[in-house]
C-alpha atoms as a PDB file:
ATOM      1  CA  UNK A   1      11.824 -40.555 -84.413  1.00  0.00           C
ATOM      2  CA  UNK A   2       9.411 -38.458 -82.652  1.00  0.00           C
ATOM      3  CA  UNK A   3       6.756 -35.890 -83.995  1.00  0.00           C
ATOM      4  CA  UNK A   4       9.062 -32.919 -83.153  1.00  0.00           C
ATOM      5  CA  UNK A   5      11.959 -34.318 -85.232  1.00  0.00           C
ATOM      6  CA  UNK A   6       9.708 -35.171 -88.011  1.00  0.00           C
ATOM      7  CA  UNK A   7       8.311 -31.560 -88.055  1.00  0.00           C
ATOM      8  CA  UNK A   8      11.745 -30.159 -88.053  1.00  0.00           C
ATOM      9  CA  UNK A   9      12.749 -32.378 -90.955  1.00  0.00           C
ATOM     10  CA  UNK A  10       9.609 -31.469 -92.969  1.00  0.00           C
ATOM     11  CA  UNK A  11      10.065 -27.834 -92.229  1.00  0.00           C
ATOM     12  CA  UNK A  12      13.577 -27.964 -93.673  1.00  0.00           C
ATOM     13  CA  UNK A  13      12.382 -29.647 -96.820  1.00  0.00           C
ATOM     14  CA  UNK A  14       9.677 -27.322 -97.333  1.00  0.00           C
ATOM     15  CA  UNK A  15      11.915 -24.369 -96.800  1.00  0.00           C
ATOM     16  CA  UNK A  16      14.312 -25.687 -99.389  1.00  0.00           C
ATOM     17  CA  UNK A  17      11.399 -25.529-101.870  1.00  0.00           C
ATOM     18  CA  UNK A  18      10.561 -21.913-100.888  1.00  0.00           C
ATOM     19  CA  UNK A  19       7.452 -22.617 -98.970  1.00  0.00           C
ATOM     20  CA  UNK A  20       6.823 -19.417 -96.914  1.00  0.00           C
ATOM     21  CA  UNK A  21       4.688 -21.167 -94.338  1.00  0.00           C
ATOM     22  CA  UNK A  22       6.894 -24.064 -93.938  1.00  0.00           C
ATOM     23  CA  UNK A  23       6.613 -24.731 -90.161  1.00  0.00           C
ATOM     24  CA  UNK A  24       2.730 -24.725 -90.019  1.00  0.00           C
ATOM     25  CA  UNK A  25       2.608 -26.648 -93.345  1.00  0.00           C
ATOM     26  CA  UNK A  26       4.781 -29.551 -91.900  1.00  0.00           C
ATOM     27  CA  UNK A  27       2.596 -29.629 -88.787  1.00  0.00           C
ATOM     28  CA  UNK A  28      -0.512 -29.872 -90.818  1.00  0.00           C
ATOM     29  CA  UNK A  29       0.772 -32.444 -93.230  1.00  0.00           C
ATOM     30  CA  UNK A  30       1.847 -34.622 -90.114  1.00  0.00           C
ATOM     31  CA  UNK A  31      -1.471 -34.206 -88.558  1.00  0.00           C
ATOM     32  CA  UNK A  32      -3.318 -35.481 -91.802  1.00  0.00           C
ATOM     33  CA  UNK A  33      -0.942 -38.493 -91.977  1.00  0.00           C
ATOM     34  CA  UNK A  34      -1.313 -39.668 -88.488  1.00  0.00           C
ATOM     35  CA  UNK A  35      -4.987 -38.682 -88.239  1.00  0.00           C
ATOM     36  CA  UNK A  36      -4.613 -36.575 -85.147  1.00  0.00           C
ATOM     37  CA  UNK A  37      -5.374 -32.795 -84.678  1.00  0.00           C
ATOM     38  CA  UNK A  38      -2.462 -30.343 -85.079  1.00  0.00           C
ATOM     39  CA  UNK A  39      -2.919 -29.435 -81.404  1.00  0.00           C
ATOM     40  CA  UNK A  40      -2.633 -33.031 -80.119  1.00  0.00           C
ATOM     41  CA  UNK A  41       0.686 -33.407 -82.127  1.00  0.00           C
ATOM     42  CA  UNK A  42       2.064 -30.233 -80.666  1.00  0.00           C
ATOM     43  CA  UNK A  43       1.240 -31.313 -77.097  1.00  0.00           C
ATOM     44  CA  UNK A  44       3.020 -34.629 -77.371  1.00  0.00           C
END
């Protein structure tokens, strides 16, 4: 599974829980978990 798939799955989970900023929140959570900047994750 690559970062894009993880972000899509995380966004889906957050949306189901009524999180308005689900997309960016999924990106930020992943960036914290893998200890890389959000920008570097989006470029991969």
